[in-house]
Each structure stands twice: as structure tokens, then as C-alpha cells.
Amino acid sequence: MTTPENRAEKVVSAIKALLSDSARAHISDAQFEEMTIIVREAICDELNAAADLVEQVAKNLRDTAQESELGL
């Protein structure tokens, strides 16, 4: 499974590849590392939001199943 860190590194590498040599020369390695951290945090935020949605769906399914059992 791809980790958020690996995905972030792939995104930043893709961005680097799109930049011209002169543009890349104006961005330090530290700035690219900071960009990787920002992208990783955004990915983690989205994964957490997705997990929250899945938990809510699971709760709703359990509640519906319990209601059905009580109705028998």
C-alpha cells in the first residue's frame, strides 16, 4: 500500500518534472521538502475525512440493522 509520504513525494516529483530548469533553480531543496510535507498533510487530512465518512456509514448500517432486529 502506498503511504501518504510516498504519494506526496510522487506529487512533488511530478511538479518538479513540470518545472523548467530555471524555475527549479529558484526553489531550494528545503522548499521542495516543505512542499512534500504540505502535500502529505493534505493527503492525510483527506484520508481522515474519508475514514470519518466510512465510520458514519458503518454506524448508520449498524443502527439500521438493530432497528430491523427490534422490529421482528
C-alpha atoms as a PDB file:
ATOM      1  CA  MET A   1       0.000   0.000   0.000  1.00  0.00           C
ATOM      2  CA  THR A   2       1.280   3.429  -0.877  1.00  0.00           C
ATOM      3  CA  THR A   3       1.803   5.655   2.141  1.00  0.00           C
ATOM      4  CA  PRO A   4       0.884   9.345   2.244  1.00  0.00           C
ATOM      5  CA  GLU A   5       4.623  10.116   2.355  1.00  0.00           C
ATOM      6  CA  ASN A   6       5.249   8.131  -0.842  1.00  0.00           C
ATOM      7  CA  ARG A   7       2.296   9.772  -2.567  1.00  0.00           C
ATOM      8  CA  ALA A   8       3.474  13.222  -1.517  1.00  0.00           C
ATOM      9  CA  GLU A   9       6.953  12.525  -2.844  1.00  0.00           C
ATOM     10  CA  LYS A  10       5.461  11.378  -6.161  1.00  0.00           C
ATOM     11  CA  VAL A  11       3.367  14.546  -6.414  1.00  0.00           C
ATOM     12  CA  VAL A  12       6.333  16.808  -5.707  1.00  0.00           C
ATOM     13  CA  SER A  13       8.495  14.849  -8.159  1.00  0.00           C
ATOM     14  CA  ALA A  14       5.810  15.312 -10.822  1.00  0.00           C
ATOM     15  CA  ILE A  15       5.703  19.042 -10.096  1.00  0.00           C
ATOM     16  CA  LYS A  16       9.498  19.243 -10.321  1.00  0.00           C
ATOM     17  CA  ALA A  17       9.390  17.483 -13.685  1.00  0.00           C
ATOM     18  CA  LEU A  18       6.957  20.087 -14.986  1.00  0.00           C
ATOM     19  CA  LEU A  19       9.174  22.997 -13.986  1.00  0.00           C
ATOM     20  CA  SER A  20      11.818  24.381 -16.262  1.00  0.00           C
ATOM     21  CA  ASP A  21      15.448  24.178 -15.190  1.00  0.00           C
ATOM     22  CA  SER A  22      15.450  27.882 -14.408  1.00  0.00           C
ATOM     23  CA  ALA A  23      12.299  27.591 -12.292  1.00  0.00           C
ATOM     24  CA  ARG A  24      13.741  24.628 -10.361  1.00  0.00           C
ATOM     25  CA  ALA A  25      16.907  26.632  -9.743  1.00  0.00           C
ATOM     26  CA  HIS A  26      14.847  29.191  -7.793  1.00  0.00           C
ATOM     27  CA  ILE A  27      13.393  26.576  -5.447  1.00  0.00           C
ATOM     28  CA  SER A  28      15.664  25.125  -2.768  1.00  0.00           C
ATOM     29  CA  ASP A  29      15.702  21.516  -1.633  1.00  0.00           C
ATOM     30  CA  ALA A  30      14.339  22.703   1.708  1.00  0.00           C
ATOM     31  CA  GLN A  31      11.393  24.332  -0.074  1.00  0.00           C
ATOM     32  CA  PHE A  32      10.702  21.135  -2.030  1.00  0.00           C
ATOM     33  CA  GLU A  33      10.825  19.239   1.273  1.00  0.00           C
ATOM     34  CA  GLU A  34       8.350  21.720   2.775  1.00  0.00           C
ATOM     35  CA  MET A  35       6.123  21.229  -0.260  1.00  0.00           C
ATOM     36  CA  THR A  36       6.269  17.467   0.323  1.00  0.00           C
ATOM     37  CA  ILE A  37       5.197  17.979   3.946  1.00  0.00           C
ATOM     38  CA  ILE A  38       2.303  20.223   2.883  1.00  0.00           C
ATOM     39  CA  VAL A  39       1.130  17.706   0.282  1.00  0.00           C
ATOM     40  CA  ARG A  40       1.460  14.824   2.782  1.00  0.00           C
ATOM     41  CA  GLU A  41      -0.610  16.722   5.347  1.00  0.00           C
ATOM     42  CA  ALA A  42      -3.287  17.421   2.745  1.00  0.00           C
ATOM     43  CA  ILE A  43      -3.386  13.737   1.795  1.00  0.00           C
ATOM     44  CA  CYS A  44      -3.643  12.745   5.465  1.00  0.00           C
ATOM     45  CA  ASP A  45      -6.472  15.235   6.016  1.00  0.00           C
ATOM     46  CA  GLU A  46      -8.390  13.764   3.074  1.00  0.00           C
ATOM     47  CA  LEU A  47      -7.774  10.195   4.256  1.00  0.00           C
ATOM     48  CA  ASN A  48      -9.021  11.115   7.734  1.00  0.00           C
ATOM     49  CA  ALA A  49     -12.121  12.740   6.263  1.00  0.00           C
ATOM     50  CA  ALA A  50     -12.786   9.627   4.173  1.00  0.00           C
ATOM     51  CA  ALA A  51     -12.312   7.415   7.243  1.00  0.00           C
ATOM     52  CA  ASP A  52     -14.798   9.567   9.170  1.00  0.00           C
ATOM     53  CA  LEU A  53     -17.343   9.107   6.377  1.00  0.00           C
ATOM     54  CA  VAL A  54     -16.815   5.343   6.368  1.00  0.00           C
ATOM     55  CA  GLU A  55     -17.272   5.251  10.151  1.00  0.00           C
ATOM     56  CA  GLN A  56     -20.514   7.218   9.842  1.00  0.00           C
ATOM     57  CA  VAL A  57     -21.823   4.875   7.142  1.00  0.00           C
ATOM     58  CA  ALA A  58     -20.907   1.863   9.289  1.00  0.00           C
ATOM     59  CA  LYS A  59     -22.710   3.390  12.273  1.00  0.00           C
ATOM     60  CA  ASN A  60     -25.784   4.094  10.159  1.00  0.00           C
ATOM     61  CA  LEU A  61     -25.783   0.493   8.874  1.00  0.00           C
ATOM     62  CA  ARG A  62     -25.473  -0.880  12.414  1.00  0.00           C
ATOM     63  CA  ASP A  63     -28.289   1.372  13.620  1.00  0.00           C
ATOM     64  CA  THR A  64     -30.496   0.276  10.713  1.00  0.00           C
ATOM     65  CA  ALA A  65     -29.717  -3.400  11.378  1.00  0.00           C
ATOM     66  CA  GLN A  66     -30.551  -3.025  15.071  1.00  0.00           C
ATOM     67  CA  GLU A  67     -33.821  -1.257  14.245  1.00  0.00           C
ATOM     68  CA  SER A  68     -34.721  -4.115  11.902  1.00  0.00           C
ATOM     69  CA  GLU A  69     -33.971  -6.696  14.609  1.00  0.00           C
ATOM     70  CA  LEU A  70     -36.163  -4.854  17.079  1.00  0.00           C
ATOM     71  CA  GLY A  71     -38.991  -4.719  14.549  1.00  0.00           C
ATOM     72  CA  LEU A  72     -39.118  -8.511  14.161  1.00  0.00           C
END
